[in-house]
Amino acid sequence: MAWIYLIIASVAEIVWALALKFTHGFQSIAPVIIVVIGLIISFYCLAVAVRSIPIGTAYAIWTGVGAAGTALLGMVLFDESAAFFRVLSLVAIISGVVGLKLFLTVSESEEQKKPEDVL
């Protein structure tokens, strides 16, 4: 279930980042509302996800998916540059995210220390 929250957090990050483009310096209220709601959903879901997923893994995946998704949609929706090395860099980010998920061992996930155990 934590991975579902992490996916939702990542998608919400993409949504607020794309909506930011339409705020016109926070002058257009509807996009600002979308940005704020997206931020709240993104951070809440990330906070829920890190209860079970190691923080380093969750944060790297959240930022990687958010950055790559935003960049890819920027290329598709806003005709941003799709230069070879830019696309190659996005492939590297996505590969890293997949690697983090694939190589997370069961013991790492199950043995994650709770904040109260650390303090």
C-alpha atoms as a PDB file:
ATOM      1  CA  MET A   1       0.000   0.000   0.000  1.00  0.00           C
ATOM      2  CA  ALA A   2       2.922   2.346   0.694  1.00  0.00           C
ATOM      3  CA  TRP A   3       4.001   2.089  -2.944  1.00  0.00           C
ATOM      4  CA  ILE A   4       0.549   3.203  -4.066  1.00  0.00           C
ATOM      5  CA  TYR A   5       0.858   6.268  -1.839  1.00  0.00           C
ATOM      6  CA  LEU A   6       4.291   6.952  -3.316  1.00  0.00           C
ATOM      7  CA  ILE A   7       2.888   6.748  -6.851  1.00  0.00           C
ATOM      8  CA  ILE A   8       0.051   9.121  -5.922  1.00  0.00           C
ATOM      9  CA  ALA A   9       2.584  11.493  -4.337  1.00  0.00           C
ATOM     10  CA  SER A  10       4.691  11.440  -7.503  1.00  0.00           C
ATOM     11  CA  VAL A  11       1.725  12.057  -9.804  1.00  0.00           C
ATOM     12  CA  ALA A  12       0.523  14.902  -7.566  1.00  0.00           C
ATOM     13  CA  GLU A  13       4.009  16.409  -7.796  1.00  0.00           C
ATOM     14  CA  ILE A  14       3.792  16.354 -11.590  1.00  0.00           C
ATOM     15  CA  VAL A  15       0.334  17.961 -11.459  1.00  0.00           C
ATOM     16  CA  TRP A  16       1.382  20.850  -9.213  1.00  0.00           C
ATOM     17  CA  ALA A  17       4.571  21.434 -11.180  1.00  0.00           C
ATOM     18  CA  LEU A  18       2.677  21.635 -14.467  1.00  0.00           C
ATOM     19  CA  ALA A  19      -0.030  23.834 -12.925  1.00  0.00           C
ATOM     20  CA  LEU A  20       2.700  26.206 -11.747  1.00  0.00           C
ATOM     21  CA  LYS A  21       3.295  27.142 -15.388  1.00  0.00           C
ATOM     22  CA  PHE A  22      -0.259  28.491 -15.621  1.00  0.00           C
ATOM     23  CA  THR A  23      -0.220  30.629 -12.458  1.00  0.00           C
ATOM     24  CA  HIS A  24       1.386  33.586 -14.271  1.00  0.00           C
ATOM     25  CA  GLY A  25       3.358  34.531 -11.188  1.00  0.00           C
ATOM     26  CA  PHE A  26       0.512  33.477  -8.882  1.00  0.00           C
ATOM     27  CA  GLN A  27      -1.872  35.920 -10.580  1.00  0.00           C
ATOM     28  CA  SER A  28      -4.344  33.283 -11.871  1.00  0.00           C
ATOM     29  CA  ILE A  29      -6.266  31.858  -8.920  1.00  0.00           C
ATOM     30  CA  ALA A  30      -7.468  28.516 -10.370  1.00  0.00           C
ATOM     31  CA  PRO A  31      -3.959  27.236 -11.189  1.00  0.00           C
ATOM     32  CA  VAL A  32      -2.738  28.458  -7.783  1.00  0.00           C
ATOM     33  CA  ILE A  33      -5.445  26.367  -6.111  1.00  0.00           C
ATOM     34  CA  ILE A  34      -4.363  23.334  -8.159  1.00  0.00           C
ATOM     35  CA  VAL A  35      -0.735  23.935  -7.130  1.00  0.00           C
ATOM     36  CA  VAL A  36      -1.635  24.138  -3.434  1.00  0.00           C
ATOM     37  CA  ILE A  37      -3.901  21.069  -3.523  1.00  0.00           C
ATOM     38  CA  GLY A  38      -1.262  19.140  -5.488  1.00  0.00           C
ATOM     39  CA  LEU A  39       1.411  20.083  -2.953  1.00  0.00           C
ATOM     40  CA  ILE A  40      -0.747  18.990  -0.026  1.00  0.00           C
ATOM     41  CA  ILE A  41      -1.634  15.658  -1.640  1.00  0.00           C
ATOM     42  CA  SER A  42       1.961  15.071  -2.712  1.00  0.00           C
ATOM     43  CA  PHE A  43       3.486  15.739   0.707  1.00  0.00           C
ATOM     44  CA  TYR A  44       0.759  13.873   2.596  1.00  0.00           C
ATOM     45  CA  CYS A  45       1.104  10.760   0.433  1.00  0.00           C
ATOM     46  CA  LEU A  46       4.901  10.915   0.657  1.00  0.00           C
ATOM     47  CA  ALA A  47       4.639  11.132   4.453  1.00  0.00           C
ATOM     48  CA  VAL A  48       2.392   8.061   4.515  1.00  0.00           C
ATOM     49  CA  ALA A  49       4.700   6.162   2.146  1.00  0.00           C
ATOM     50  CA  VAL A  50       7.821   6.725   4.254  1.00  0.00           C
ATOM     51  CA  ARG A  51       6.224   4.897   7.158  1.00  0.00           C
ATOM     52  CA  SER A  52       7.051   1.676   5.286  1.00  0.00           C
ATOM     53  CA  ILE A  53       9.520   2.591   2.537  1.00  0.00           C
ATOM     54  CA  PRO A  54      13.030   3.737   3.504  1.00  0.00           C
ATOM     55  CA  ILE A  55      13.171   7.547   3.336  1.00  0.00           C
ATOM     56  CA  GLY A  56      16.142   7.641   0.961  1.00  0.00           C
ATOM     57  CA  THR A  57      14.451   5.293  -1.483  1.00  0.00           C
ATOM     58  CA  ALA A  58      11.052   6.987  -1.256  1.00  0.00           C
ATOM     59  CA  TYR A  59      12.467  10.483  -1.652  1.00  0.00           C
ATOM     60  CA  ALA A  60      14.662   9.515  -4.607  1.00  0.00           C
ATOM     61  CA  ILE A  61      11.735   7.843  -6.363  1.00  0.00           C
ATOM     62  CA  TRP A  62       9.374  10.739  -5.585  1.00  0.00           C
ATOM     63  CA  THR A  63      11.737  13.360  -6.943  1.00  0.00           C
ATOM     64  CA  GLY A  64      12.837  11.188  -9.876  1.00  0.00           C
ATOM     65  CA  VAL A  65       9.333  10.365 -11.049  1.00  0.00           C
ATOM     66  CA  GLY A  66       8.224  13.957 -10.479  1.00  0.00           C
ATOM     67  CA  ALA A  67      11.151  15.458 -12.365  1.00  0.00           C
ATOM     68  CA  ALA A  68      11.079  12.963 -15.229  1.00  0.00           C
ATOM     69  CA  GLY A  69       7.292  13.096 -15.556  1.00  0.00           C
ATOM     70  CA  THR A  70       7.253  16.878 -15.532  1.00  0.00           C
ATOM     71  CA  ALA A  71      10.035  17.059 -18.116  1.00  0.00           C
ATOM     72  CA  LEU A  72       8.384  14.474 -20.391  1.00  0.00           C
ATOM     73  CA  LEU A  73       5.012  16.204 -20.222  1.00  0.00           C
ATOM     74  CA  GLY A  74       6.730  19.539 -20.816  1.00  0.00           C
ATOM     75  CA  MET A  75       8.094  18.107 -24.052  1.00  0.00           C
ATOM     76  CA  VAL A  76       4.711  16.738 -25.099  1.00  0.00           C
ATOM     77  CA  LEU A  77       2.384  19.509 -23.926  1.00  0.00           C
ATOM     78  CA  PHE A  78       4.541  22.626 -24.194  1.00  0.00           C
ATOM     79  CA  ASP A  79       6.831  21.721 -27.081  1.00  0.00           C
ATOM     80  CA  GLU A  80       9.923  21.885 -24.867  1.00  0.00           C
ATOM     81  CA  SER A  81      13.205  20.600 -26.241  1.00  0.00           C
ATOM     82  CA  ALA A  82      13.467  16.850 -26.783  1.00  0.00           C
ATOM     83  CA  ALA A  83      17.173  16.927 -27.574  1.00  0.00           C
ATOM     84  CA  PHE A  84      18.941  13.566 -27.553  1.00  0.00           C
ATOM     85  CA  PHE A  85      20.962  14.122 -24.366  1.00  0.00           C
ATOM     86  CA  ARG A  86      17.937  15.522 -22.550  1.00  0.00           C
ATOM     87  CA  VAL A  87      15.928  12.399 -23.378  1.00  0.00           C
ATOM     88  CA  LEU A  88      18.918  10.213 -22.515  1.00  0.00           C
ATOM     89  CA  SER A  89      19.144  11.938 -19.137  1.00  0.00           C
ATOM     90  CA  LEU A  90      15.457  11.253 -18.503  1.00  0.00           C
ATOM     91  CA  VAL A  91      15.999   7.593 -19.386  1.00  0.00           C
ATOM     92  CA  ALA A  92      18.828   7.520 -16.828  1.00  0.00           C
ATOM     93  CA  ILE A  93      16.541   9.001 -14.153  1.00  0.00           C
ATOM     94  CA  ILE A  94      13.784   6.506 -14.914  1.00  0.00           C
ATOM     95  CA  SER A  95      16.296   3.631 -14.911  1.00  0.00           C
ATOM     96  CA  GLY A  96      17.537   4.759 -11.514  1.00  0.00           C
ATOM     97  CA  VAL A  97      14.004   4.873 -10.124  1.00  0.00           C
ATOM     98  CA  VAL A  98      13.281   1.370 -11.419  1.00  0.00           C
ATOM     99  CA  GLY A  99      16.589   0.156  -9.972  1.00  0.00           C
ATOM    100  CA  LEU A 100      15.761   1.581  -6.550  1.00  0.00           C
ATOM    101  CA  LYS A 101      12.480  -0.327  -6.527  1.00  0.00           C
ATOM    102  CA  LEU A 102      13.914  -3.564  -7.905  1.00  0.00           C
ATOM    103  CA  PHE A 103      16.893  -3.714  -5.590  1.00  0.00           C
ATOM    104  CA  LEU A 104      15.090  -2.783  -2.391  1.00  0.00           C
ATOM    105  CA  THR A 105      15.322  -5.986  -0.424  1.00  0.00           C
ATOM    106  CA  VAL A 106      12.467  -7.295   1.657  1.00  0.00           C
ATOM    107  CA  SER A 107      14.594  -7.029   4.783  1.00  0.00           C
ATOM    108  CA  GLU A 108      15.277  -3.329   4.134  1.00  0.00           C
ATOM    109  CA  SER A 109      11.578  -2.656   3.832  1.00  0.00           C
ATOM    110  CA  GLU A 110      10.571  -4.766   6.844  1.00  0.00           C
ATOM    111  CA  GLU A 111      13.416  -3.682   9.100  1.00  0.00           C
ATOM    112  CA  GLN A 112      13.031   0.037   8.573  1.00  0.00           C
ATOM    113  CA  LYS A 113      13.418   1.815  11.872  1.00  0.00           C
ATOM    114  CA  LYS A 114      10.518   3.876  13.069  1.00  0.00           C
ATOM    115  CA  PRO A 115      11.238   7.471  14.146  1.00  0.00           C
ATOM    116  CA  GLU A 116      10.485   6.574  17.760  1.00  0.00           C
ATOM    117  CA  ASP A 117      13.100   3.768  17.583  1.00  0.00           C
ATOM    118  CA  VAL A 118      15.778   6.244  16.534  1.00  0.00           C
ATOM    119  CA  LEU A 119      15.051   8.895  19.173  1.00  0.00           C
END
